[in-house]
N, C-alpha and C. Protein backbone atom coordinates (compact mmCIF):
# COMPACT_ATOMS: atom_id res chain seq x y z
N MET A 1 106.03 21.60 34.18
CA MET A 1 105.54 22.82 33.53
C MET A 1 104.18 23.19 34.09
N PHE A 2 103.90 24.46 34.04
CA PHE A 2 102.60 25.02 34.41
C PHE A 2 101.98 25.55 33.12
N ILE A 3 100.86 24.96 32.70
CA ILE A 3 100.23 25.28 31.41
C ILE A 3 98.80 25.76 31.65
N SER A 4 98.42 26.83 30.96
CA SER A 4 97.03 27.30 31.06
C SER A 4 96.39 27.29 29.68
N PHE A 5 95.07 27.09 29.70
CA PHE A 5 94.25 27.20 28.50
C PHE A 5 93.30 28.36 28.68
N GLU A 6 93.20 29.19 27.65
CA GLU A 6 92.34 30.37 27.69
C GLU A 6 91.51 30.42 26.42
N GLY A 7 90.52 31.30 26.44
CA GLY A 7 89.67 31.49 25.27
C GLY A 7 88.30 31.95 25.70
N ILE A 8 87.51 32.34 24.72
CA ILE A 8 86.16 32.79 25.02
C ILE A 8 85.31 31.60 25.46
N ASP A 9 84.15 31.90 26.05
CA ASP A 9 83.24 30.85 26.50
C ASP A 9 82.78 30.02 25.31
N GLY A 10 82.89 28.69 25.42
CA GLY A 10 82.47 27.80 24.34
C GLY A 10 83.53 27.56 23.28
N SER A 11 84.77 27.98 23.54
CA SER A 11 85.84 27.83 22.54
C SER A 11 86.38 26.41 22.44
N GLY A 12 86.13 25.61 23.46
CA GLY A 12 86.68 24.25 23.47
C GLY A 12 87.91 24.11 24.33
N LYS A 13 88.27 25.14 25.07
CA LYS A 13 89.49 25.10 25.88
C LYS A 13 89.45 24.03 26.97
N SER A 14 88.28 23.82 27.58
CA SER A 14 88.17 22.80 28.64
C SER A 14 88.42 21.41 28.06
N THR A 15 87.86 21.15 26.90
CA THR A 15 88.08 19.87 26.22
C THR A 15 89.55 19.69 25.89
N GLN A 16 90.19 20.75 25.37
CA GLN A 16 91.59 20.64 24.98
C GLN A 16 92.52 20.52 26.18
N ALA A 17 92.17 21.15 27.29
CA ALA A 17 92.96 20.97 28.52
C ALA A 17 92.93 19.51 28.94
N ARG A 18 91.73 18.94 28.91
CA ARG A 18 91.56 17.53 29.28
C ARG A 18 92.32 16.61 28.31
N ARG A 19 92.25 16.92 27.02
CA ARG A 19 92.95 16.10 26.01
C ARG A 19 94.47 16.15 26.22
N LEU A 20 94.99 17.33 26.54
CA LEU A 20 96.44 17.44 26.76
C LEU A 20 96.86 16.64 27.98
N VAL A 21 96.07 16.69 29.04
CA VAL A 21 96.39 15.91 30.24
C VAL A 21 96.41 14.42 29.90
N GLN A 22 95.45 13.97 29.12
CA GLN A 22 95.41 12.55 28.72
C GLN A 22 96.66 12.18 27.94
N ALA A 23 97.07 13.05 27.00
CA ALA A 23 98.25 12.77 26.18
C ALA A 23 99.53 12.73 27.02
N LEU A 24 99.65 13.69 27.95
CA LEU A 24 100.85 13.74 28.79
C LEU A 24 100.90 12.55 29.76
N THR A 25 99.74 12.18 30.30
CA THR A 25 99.68 11.04 31.22
C THR A 25 100.07 9.76 30.50
N ALA A 26 99.64 9.63 29.24
CA ALA A 26 99.98 8.45 28.45
C ALA A 26 101.48 8.35 28.21
N GLN A 27 102.18 9.51 28.26
CA GLN A 27 103.64 9.52 28.10
C GLN A 27 104.37 9.29 29.42
N GLY A 28 103.60 9.10 30.51
CA GLY A 28 104.22 8.83 31.81
C GLY A 28 104.47 10.06 32.66
N THR A 29 103.94 11.20 32.28
CA THR A 29 104.12 12.43 33.06
C THR A 29 103.03 12.53 34.12
N GLU A 30 103.42 12.92 35.34
CA GLU A 30 102.41 13.19 36.38
C GLU A 30 101.81 14.56 36.09
N VAL A 31 100.51 14.60 35.85
CA VAL A 31 99.84 15.86 35.49
C VAL A 31 98.59 16.05 36.34
N LEU A 32 98.41 17.27 36.81
CA LEU A 32 97.22 17.64 37.55
C LEU A 32 96.37 18.55 36.67
N LEU A 33 95.10 18.18 36.46
CA LEU A 33 94.17 19.02 35.71
C LEU A 33 93.32 19.80 36.70
N THR A 34 93.24 21.12 36.50
CA THR A 34 92.46 21.95 37.40
C THR A 34 91.75 23.03 36.60
N ARG A 35 91.04 23.92 37.30
CA ARG A 35 90.27 24.94 36.58
C ARG A 35 90.12 26.20 37.44
N GLU A 36 89.78 27.28 36.75
CA GLU A 36 89.47 28.53 37.43
C GLU A 36 88.17 29.11 36.89
N PRO A 37 87.40 29.78 37.75
CA PRO A 37 87.64 29.79 39.19
C PRO A 37 87.36 28.40 39.74
N GLY A 38 88.13 28.02 40.73
CA GLY A 38 87.97 26.71 41.34
C GLY A 38 89.29 26.02 41.53
N GLY A 39 89.25 24.70 41.55
CA GLY A 39 90.45 23.89 41.75
C GLY A 39 90.61 23.45 43.18
N SER A 40 90.74 24.39 44.09
CA SER A 40 90.83 24.08 45.51
C SER A 40 89.44 24.20 46.13
N GLU A 41 89.30 23.69 47.36
CA GLU A 41 87.98 23.67 47.99
C GLU A 41 87.40 25.08 48.16
N GLY A 42 88.21 26.00 48.69
CA GLY A 42 87.73 27.36 48.89
C GLY A 42 87.40 28.05 47.58
N ALA A 43 88.24 27.84 46.58
CA ALA A 43 88.02 28.47 45.27
C ALA A 43 86.77 27.93 44.60
N GLU A 44 86.45 26.65 44.81
CA GLU A 44 85.22 26.09 44.24
C GLU A 44 83.98 26.74 44.86
N GLU A 45 84.07 27.09 46.15
CA GLU A 45 82.94 27.78 46.79
C GLU A 45 82.74 29.16 46.18
N ILE A 46 83.85 29.85 45.90
CA ILE A 46 83.77 31.17 45.28
C ILE A 46 83.27 31.05 43.84
N ARG A 47 83.62 29.95 43.16
CA ARG A 47 83.20 29.74 41.76
C ARG A 47 81.71 29.91 41.59
N ARG A 48 80.94 29.32 42.51
CA ARG A 48 79.48 29.39 42.37
C ARG A 48 78.99 30.83 42.39
N LEU A 49 79.63 31.67 43.17
CA LEU A 49 79.25 33.08 43.23
C LEU A 49 79.53 33.78 41.89
N LEU A 50 80.56 33.32 41.19
CA LEU A 50 81.02 34.01 39.99
C LEU A 50 80.36 33.56 38.69
N VAL A 51 80.04 32.29 38.59
CA VAL A 51 79.58 31.78 37.28
C VAL A 51 78.07 31.54 37.21
N GLU A 52 77.38 31.70 38.33
CA GLU A 52 75.93 31.53 38.32
C GLU A 52 75.26 32.88 38.52
N GLY A 53 74.00 32.97 38.12
CA GLY A 53 73.24 34.20 38.31
C GLY A 53 73.26 35.08 37.08
N CYS A 54 72.69 36.28 37.23
CA CYS A 54 72.59 37.20 36.09
C CYS A 54 73.94 37.83 35.78
N GLY A 55 74.08 38.30 34.53
CA GLY A 55 75.34 38.86 34.06
C GLY A 55 75.84 40.03 34.87
N GLU A 56 74.94 40.85 35.36
CA GLU A 56 75.34 42.05 36.11
C GLU A 56 75.25 41.83 37.62
N ARG A 57 75.37 40.60 38.06
CA ARG A 57 75.29 40.28 39.49
C ARG A 57 76.32 41.04 40.31
N TRP A 58 77.52 41.18 39.77
CA TRP A 58 78.62 41.86 40.47
C TRP A 58 79.14 43.01 39.61
N SER A 59 79.66 44.03 40.27
CA SER A 59 80.40 45.05 39.53
C SER A 59 81.71 44.42 39.06
N PRO A 60 82.34 44.97 38.00
CA PRO A 60 83.62 44.41 37.56
C PRO A 60 84.68 44.41 38.66
N GLU A 61 84.66 45.43 39.52
CA GLU A 61 85.65 45.51 40.60
C GLU A 61 85.45 44.38 41.62
N THR A 62 84.19 44.18 42.02
CA THR A 62 83.89 43.10 42.98
C THR A 62 84.22 41.75 42.36
N GLU A 63 83.85 41.59 41.11
CA GLU A 63 84.14 40.36 40.38
C GLU A 63 85.65 40.07 40.38
N LEU A 64 86.45 41.08 40.12
CA LEU A 64 87.91 40.93 40.09
C LEU A 64 88.43 40.49 41.45
N LEU A 65 87.93 41.09 42.52
CA LEU A 65 88.38 40.72 43.87
C LEU A 65 88.01 39.27 44.19
N LEU A 66 86.82 38.85 43.78
CA LEU A 66 86.42 37.46 44.00
C LEU A 66 87.30 36.49 43.21
N PHE A 67 87.56 36.81 41.94
CA PHE A 67 88.44 35.96 41.13
C PHE A 67 89.83 35.89 41.73
N THR A 68 90.34 37.02 42.20
CA THR A 68 91.69 37.05 42.78
C THR A 68 91.75 36.22 44.06
N ALA A 69 90.71 36.32 44.90
CA ALA A 69 90.67 35.50 46.12
C ALA A 69 90.65 34.01 45.77
N ALA A 70 89.84 33.63 44.79
CA ALA A 70 89.78 32.23 44.37
C ALA A 70 91.14 31.79 43.82
N ARG A 71 91.77 32.65 43.02
CA ARG A 71 93.07 32.30 42.42
C ARG A 71 94.14 32.14 43.48
N ARG A 72 94.15 33.00 44.47
CA ARG A 72 95.15 32.91 45.55
C ARG A 72 95.04 31.57 46.26
N ASP A 73 93.81 31.17 46.60
CA ASP A 73 93.60 29.90 47.28
C ASP A 73 94.03 28.73 46.38
N HIS A 74 93.70 28.83 45.12
CA HIS A 74 94.05 27.81 44.13
C HIS A 74 95.57 27.63 44.03
N VAL A 75 96.28 28.75 43.93
CA VAL A 75 97.75 28.71 43.82
C VAL A 75 98.37 28.15 45.09
N GLU A 76 97.92 28.64 46.23
CA GLU A 76 98.46 28.23 47.53
C GLU A 76 98.26 26.76 47.81
N ARG A 77 97.05 26.29 47.60
CA ARG A 77 96.68 24.96 48.07
C ARG A 77 96.81 23.86 47.03
N LEU A 78 96.88 24.22 45.74
CA LEU A 78 96.89 23.19 44.71
C LEU A 78 98.08 23.33 43.75
N ILE A 79 98.20 24.49 43.11
CA ILE A 79 99.20 24.64 42.05
C ILE A 79 100.62 24.58 42.58
N GLN A 80 100.95 25.41 43.57
CA GLN A 80 102.33 25.43 44.07
C GLN A 80 102.76 24.09 44.67
N PRO A 81 101.91 23.43 45.49
CA PRO A 81 102.34 22.12 46.00
C PRO A 81 102.58 21.09 44.89
N ALA A 82 101.75 21.10 43.85
CA ALA A 82 101.93 20.15 42.75
C ALA A 82 103.24 20.42 42.00
N LEU A 83 103.50 21.68 41.70
CA LEU A 83 104.74 22.03 41.00
C LEU A 83 105.95 21.71 41.87
N ALA A 84 105.84 21.93 43.18
CA ALA A 84 106.95 21.68 44.10
C ALA A 84 107.34 20.20 44.14
N ARG A 85 106.36 19.31 43.93
CA ARG A 85 106.68 17.88 43.95
C ARG A 85 107.08 17.36 42.57
N GLY A 86 107.12 18.25 41.57
CA GLY A 86 107.59 17.88 40.24
C GLY A 86 106.50 17.50 39.26
N ALA A 87 105.24 17.68 39.64
CA ALA A 87 104.15 17.38 38.71
C ALA A 87 103.96 18.53 37.74
N TRP A 88 103.35 18.25 36.61
CA TRP A 88 102.90 19.30 35.69
C TRP A 88 101.50 19.70 36.11
N VAL A 89 101.15 20.95 35.87
CA VAL A 89 99.81 21.44 36.16
C VAL A 89 99.23 22.03 34.88
N VAL A 90 98.03 21.59 34.54
CA VAL A 90 97.29 22.14 33.40
C VAL A 90 96.01 22.75 33.96
N THR A 91 95.81 24.05 33.76
CA THR A 91 94.63 24.70 34.27
C THR A 91 93.77 25.28 33.15
N ASP A 92 92.47 25.07 33.32
CA ASP A 92 91.47 25.64 32.43
C ASP A 92 91.18 27.04 32.97
N ARG A 93 91.86 28.04 32.42
CA ARG A 93 91.85 29.45 32.80
C ARG A 93 92.83 29.75 33.94
N PHE A 94 93.39 30.97 33.86
CA PHE A 94 94.24 31.49 34.94
C PHE A 94 94.16 33.02 34.85
N ALA A 95 95.23 33.71 35.15
CA ALA A 95 95.21 35.17 35.28
C ALA A 95 94.87 35.90 33.98
N ASP A 96 95.17 35.30 32.83
CA ASP A 96 94.86 35.97 31.56
C ASP A 96 93.36 36.20 31.42
N SER A 97 92.55 35.33 32.01
CA SER A 97 91.10 35.55 31.96
C SER A 97 90.73 36.84 32.68
N SER A 98 91.34 37.11 33.82
CA SER A 98 91.07 38.37 34.52
C SER A 98 91.56 39.57 33.72
N ARG A 99 92.72 39.41 33.08
CA ARG A 99 93.25 40.50 32.26
C ARG A 99 92.27 40.88 31.15
N VAL A 100 91.58 39.87 30.59
CA VAL A 100 90.67 40.13 29.48
C VAL A 100 89.26 40.43 29.96
N TYR A 101 88.71 39.60 30.84
CA TYR A 101 87.32 39.79 31.28
C TYR A 101 87.16 41.08 32.09
N GLN A 102 87.89 41.20 33.21
CA GLN A 102 87.73 42.39 34.04
C GLN A 102 88.65 43.53 33.62
N GLY A 103 89.77 43.20 33.00
CA GLY A 103 90.72 44.23 32.60
C GLY A 103 90.36 44.96 31.32
N LEU A 104 89.47 44.35 30.51
CA LEU A 104 89.14 44.95 29.22
C LEU A 104 87.65 44.87 28.89
N ALA A 105 87.09 43.67 28.88
CA ALA A 105 85.73 43.49 28.35
C ALA A 105 84.65 44.00 29.30
N ARG A 106 84.78 43.72 30.59
CA ARG A 106 83.78 44.18 31.55
C ARG A 106 84.03 45.63 31.97
N ALA A 107 85.29 46.00 32.08
CA ALA A 107 85.68 47.37 32.47
C ALA A 107 87.15 47.54 32.11
N GLU A 108 87.64 48.75 32.20
CA GLU A 108 89.05 49.01 31.91
C GLU A 108 89.83 49.01 33.22
N LEU A 109 90.06 47.79 33.72
CA LEU A 109 90.71 47.61 35.02
C LEU A 109 92.06 46.91 34.90
N ARG A 110 92.68 46.99 33.73
CA ARG A 110 93.91 46.22 33.51
C ARG A 110 95.00 46.56 34.53
N GLN A 111 95.15 47.83 34.86
CA GLN A 111 96.19 48.22 35.82
C GLN A 111 95.92 47.59 37.19
N LEU A 112 94.66 47.59 37.62
CA LEU A 112 94.30 46.98 38.89
C LEU A 112 94.49 45.46 38.84
N VAL A 113 94.13 44.85 37.73
CA VAL A 113 94.34 43.41 37.56
C VAL A 113 95.82 43.07 37.75
N GLU A 114 96.70 43.83 37.09
CA GLU A 114 98.14 43.55 37.17
C GLU A 114 98.68 43.78 38.57
N GLU A 115 98.20 44.82 39.24
CA GLU A 115 98.69 45.12 40.59
C GLU A 115 98.25 44.04 41.58
N LEU A 116 97.00 43.62 41.50
CA LEU A 116 96.54 42.54 42.37
C LEU A 116 97.30 41.24 42.08
N HIS A 117 97.56 40.98 40.80
CA HIS A 117 98.31 39.78 40.43
C HIS A 117 99.72 39.83 41.02
N ARG A 118 100.37 40.97 40.90
CA ARG A 118 101.74 41.12 41.43
C ARG A 118 101.76 40.93 42.94
N LEU A 119 100.79 41.50 43.63
CA LEU A 119 100.78 41.47 45.09
C LEU A 119 100.34 40.13 45.67
N THR A 120 99.43 39.42 45.00
CA THR A 120 98.83 38.25 45.63
C THR A 120 99.05 36.92 44.91
N ILE A 121 99.40 36.94 43.64
CA ILE A 121 99.55 35.69 42.88
C ILE A 121 101.02 35.45 42.54
N GLY A 122 101.60 36.32 41.74
CA GLY A 122 103.04 36.31 41.53
C GLY A 122 103.62 35.24 40.62
N ILE A 123 102.79 34.39 40.03
CA ILE A 123 103.32 33.40 39.09
C ILE A 123 102.54 33.46 37.78
N GLU A 124 103.22 33.08 36.71
CA GLU A 124 102.60 32.98 35.39
C GLU A 124 102.81 31.55 34.88
N PRO A 125 101.93 31.07 34.03
CA PRO A 125 102.18 29.77 33.39
C PRO A 125 103.44 29.81 32.53
N ASP A 126 104.04 28.65 32.33
CA ASP A 126 105.18 28.55 31.41
C ASP A 126 104.71 28.66 29.97
N ARG A 127 103.50 28.15 29.72
CA ARG A 127 102.93 28.19 28.38
C ARG A 127 101.42 28.36 28.50
N THR A 128 100.88 29.22 27.65
CA THR A 128 99.44 29.45 27.61
C THR A 128 98.94 29.20 26.19
N PHE A 129 97.89 28.42 26.07
CA PHE A 129 97.25 28.17 24.78
C PHE A 129 95.91 28.88 24.75
N ILE A 130 95.73 29.78 23.80
CA ILE A 130 94.44 30.43 23.57
C ILE A 130 93.76 29.69 22.43
N ILE A 131 92.62 29.06 22.73
CA ILE A 131 91.86 28.38 21.68
C ILE A 131 90.97 29.43 21.02
N ASP A 132 91.26 29.72 19.77
CA ASP A 132 90.61 30.82 19.05
C ASP A 132 89.52 30.30 18.13
N ILE A 133 88.33 30.87 18.27
CA ILE A 133 87.19 30.42 17.46
C ILE A 133 86.25 31.60 17.25
N ASP A 134 85.44 31.53 16.21
CA ASP A 134 84.44 32.57 15.93
C ASP A 134 83.51 32.70 17.13
N PRO A 135 83.33 33.92 17.67
CA PRO A 135 82.47 34.11 18.84
C PRO A 135 81.03 33.63 18.64
N ALA A 136 80.49 33.75 17.44
CA ALA A 136 79.12 33.30 17.20
C ALA A 136 79.01 31.78 17.34
N VAL A 137 80.01 31.06 16.85
CA VAL A 137 80.04 29.60 16.98
C VAL A 137 80.19 29.21 18.44
N ALA A 138 81.09 29.89 19.14
CA ALA A 138 81.35 29.59 20.55
C ALA A 138 80.11 29.85 21.41
N LEU A 139 79.43 30.97 21.14
CA LEU A 139 78.25 31.30 21.93
C LEU A 139 77.13 30.28 21.71
N ALA A 140 76.97 29.84 20.47
CA ALA A 140 75.96 28.82 20.17
C ALA A 140 76.28 27.52 20.91
N ARG A 141 77.56 27.16 20.96
CA ARG A 141 77.97 25.96 21.70
C ARG A 141 77.63 26.09 23.17
N GLY A 142 77.97 27.25 23.73
CA GLY A 142 77.73 27.48 25.16
C GLY A 142 76.26 27.42 25.50
N GLN A 143 75.44 28.01 24.63
CA GLN A 143 74.00 28.01 24.87
C GLN A 143 73.41 26.62 24.71
N ALA A 144 73.95 25.84 23.79
CA ALA A 144 73.47 24.47 23.58
C ALA A 144 73.84 23.57 24.76
N ARG A 145 74.96 23.90 25.41
CA ARG A 145 75.44 23.10 26.54
C ARG A 145 74.47 23.21 27.72
N GLY A 146 73.89 24.39 27.91
CA GLY A 146 72.93 24.59 29.00
C GLY A 146 73.61 24.61 30.36
N GLY A 147 72.83 24.38 31.40
CA GLY A 147 73.36 24.37 32.76
C GLY A 147 73.25 25.73 33.41
N VAL A 148 73.69 25.81 34.67
CA VAL A 148 73.55 27.05 35.43
C VAL A 148 74.78 27.95 35.33
N GLU A 149 75.90 27.42 34.82
CA GLU A 149 77.13 28.20 34.76
C GLU A 149 77.21 28.98 33.44
N ASP A 150 76.25 29.89 33.26
CA ASP A 150 76.16 30.60 31.98
C ASP A 150 76.16 32.12 32.16
N ARG A 151 76.64 32.59 33.30
CA ARG A 151 76.54 34.02 33.60
C ARG A 151 77.19 34.88 32.51
N PHE A 152 78.37 34.48 32.03
CA PHE A 152 79.06 35.31 31.04
C PHE A 152 78.44 35.18 29.65
N GLU A 153 77.88 34.00 29.34
CA GLU A 153 77.20 33.85 28.05
C GLU A 153 75.99 34.78 27.95
N THR A 154 75.35 35.08 29.12
CA THR A 154 74.16 35.93 29.08
C THR A 154 74.50 37.37 28.70
N LEU A 155 75.79 37.72 28.67
CA LEU A 155 76.19 39.08 28.29
C LEU A 155 76.20 39.27 26.77
N GLY A 156 76.01 38.19 26.00
CA GLY A 156 75.76 38.31 24.57
C GLY A 156 76.95 38.24 23.65
N LEU A 157 76.66 38.28 22.34
CA LEU A 157 77.66 38.13 21.29
C LEU A 157 78.66 39.28 21.27
N GLY A 158 78.20 40.51 21.47
CA GLY A 158 79.12 41.65 21.48
C GLY A 158 80.18 41.49 22.55
N PHE A 159 79.79 40.99 23.71
CA PHE A 159 80.73 40.75 24.81
C PHE A 159 81.74 39.68 24.41
N GLN A 160 81.28 38.60 23.79
CA GLN A 160 82.19 37.53 23.36
C GLN A 160 83.19 38.04 22.32
N ARG A 161 82.73 38.94 21.45
CA ARG A 161 83.66 39.52 20.45
C ARG A 161 84.74 40.35 21.13
N LYS A 162 84.34 41.13 22.13
CA LYS A 162 85.33 41.91 22.89
C LYS A 162 86.34 41.00 23.58
N LEU A 163 85.85 39.88 24.10
CA LEU A 163 86.75 38.92 24.75
C LEU A 163 87.77 38.38 23.75
N ARG A 164 87.29 37.99 22.57
CA ARG A 164 88.22 37.44 21.57
C ARG A 164 89.29 38.46 21.20
N GLU A 165 88.88 39.70 20.97
CA GLU A 165 89.86 40.76 20.66
C GLU A 165 90.87 40.89 21.79
N GLY A 166 90.38 40.82 23.02
CA GLY A 166 91.27 40.95 24.18
C GLY A 166 92.28 39.82 24.27
N PHE A 167 91.83 38.60 24.03
CA PHE A 167 92.75 37.46 24.09
C PHE A 167 93.81 37.54 22.99
N LEU A 168 93.40 37.93 21.80
CA LEU A 168 94.37 38.05 20.69
C LEU A 168 95.37 39.17 20.96
N ALA A 169 94.91 40.28 21.56
CA ALA A 169 95.82 41.37 21.92
C ALA A 169 96.82 40.90 22.98
N LEU A 170 96.35 40.12 23.92
CA LEU A 170 97.22 39.59 24.97
C LEU A 170 98.29 38.68 24.38
N ALA A 171 97.90 37.87 23.40
CA ALA A 171 98.86 36.98 22.73
C ALA A 171 99.96 37.79 22.05
N ALA A 172 99.59 38.94 21.48
CA ALA A 172 100.59 39.80 20.85
C ALA A 172 101.52 40.43 21.88
N GLU A 173 101.02 40.66 23.08
CA GLU A 173 101.84 41.24 24.16
C GLU A 173 102.86 40.25 24.70
N ALA A 174 102.51 38.97 24.73
CA ALA A 174 103.36 37.96 25.37
C ALA A 174 103.63 36.78 24.43
N PRO A 175 104.29 37.04 23.29
CA PRO A 175 104.49 35.96 22.31
C PRO A 175 105.41 34.85 22.81
N GLY A 176 106.24 35.13 23.80
CA GLY A 176 107.11 34.08 24.33
C GLY A 176 106.36 33.03 25.13
N ARG A 177 105.24 33.42 25.71
CA ARG A 177 104.47 32.51 26.57
C ARG A 177 103.20 32.00 25.91
N ILE A 178 102.54 32.84 25.12
CA ILE A 178 101.20 32.51 24.62
C ILE A 178 101.25 32.02 23.17
N ARG A 179 100.52 30.93 22.92
CA ARG A 179 100.34 30.41 21.57
C ARG A 179 98.85 30.44 21.24
N VAL A 180 98.50 31.00 20.09
CA VAL A 180 97.12 31.00 19.63
C VAL A 180 96.89 29.75 18.79
N ILE A 181 95.89 28.97 19.17
CA ILE A 181 95.59 27.70 18.49
C ILE A 181 94.26 27.85 17.76
N ASP A 182 94.26 27.52 16.47
CA ASP A 182 93.03 27.54 15.69
C ASP A 182 92.07 26.50 16.27
N GLY A 183 90.91 26.96 16.76
CA GLY A 183 89.95 26.07 17.38
C GLY A 183 88.95 25.44 16.43
N ASN A 184 89.10 25.68 15.13
CA ASN A 184 88.19 25.10 14.14
C ASN A 184 88.61 23.67 13.81
N GLY A 185 87.62 22.86 13.46
CA GLY A 185 87.90 21.47 13.11
C GLY A 185 87.49 20.54 14.23
N SER A 186 87.89 19.27 14.09
CA SER A 186 87.52 18.26 15.08
C SER A 186 88.35 18.42 16.35
N GLU A 187 87.90 17.77 17.43
CA GLU A 187 88.68 17.76 18.68
C GLU A 187 90.09 17.22 18.43
N ASP A 188 90.18 16.16 17.63
CA ASP A 188 91.48 15.56 17.35
C ASP A 188 92.41 16.53 16.63
N GLU A 189 91.86 17.25 15.67
CA GLU A 189 92.68 18.21 14.91
C GLU A 189 93.20 19.32 15.82
N VAL A 190 92.34 19.83 16.66
CA VAL A 190 92.77 20.90 17.58
C VAL A 190 93.78 20.37 18.58
N ALA A 191 93.56 19.16 19.10
CA ALA A 191 94.49 18.55 20.05
C ALA A 191 95.87 18.36 19.43
N ALA A 192 95.91 18.00 18.15
CA ALA A 192 97.19 17.83 17.46
C ALA A 192 97.91 19.17 17.35
N ARG A 193 97.16 20.25 17.11
CA ARG A 193 97.78 21.59 17.05
C ARG A 193 98.38 21.98 18.40
N VAL A 194 97.66 21.65 19.47
CA VAL A 194 98.16 21.96 20.81
C VAL A 194 99.46 21.22 21.07
N LEU A 195 99.49 19.91 20.79
CA LEU A 195 100.70 19.11 21.01
C LEU A 195 101.87 19.63 20.18
N ALA A 196 101.59 20.02 18.95
CA ALA A 196 102.66 20.55 18.09
C ALA A 196 103.21 21.85 18.66
N ALA A 197 102.33 22.70 19.19
CA ALA A 197 102.75 23.97 19.75
C ALA A 197 103.52 23.78 21.06
N LEU A 198 103.17 22.74 21.81
CA LEU A 198 103.89 22.45 23.06
C LEU A 198 105.29 21.94 22.77
N ALA A 199 105.40 21.12 21.73
CA ALA A 199 106.72 20.56 21.37
C ALA A 199 107.65 21.66 20.89
């Protein structure tokens, strides 16, 4: 299976992606954990351009092209080979992030996002988990975490609220693929919800 985790910055999706990989590995499944932007060597180089610096470093259009280039390299060099050999792939973010960030919250580029996805990516996860949490809580978590990868957090609470609305709207569009997971509670409680939704 190809599984993605999505959600606003600070939602806990990275933690839950890691927890799911641990649970699946314990069951004897070969699982590859990866992330976007990044995963492959070329995509990791592009990642630094995207997640560091000021919030308005790139126009939404340029940002989308950079994300798409990173995603193409990621799919080509990491995701497709792993799936071809029978491994499961769990990724922290995939195309739904572009649909929400560049397609809705940063600009209204959804049609362009979909066209670039169709032309250059062409695959969707089998299952997507959106970790849903109050944007104010998530933003506080992200700010407390610190580090240089805070470009999107610098866009503020209003931006995080738009992201949450976008992810929930996307879940309504694709109920066969996307599951919304309540991100409140302990890591263990959220991980149990993810496992239940996968089963």
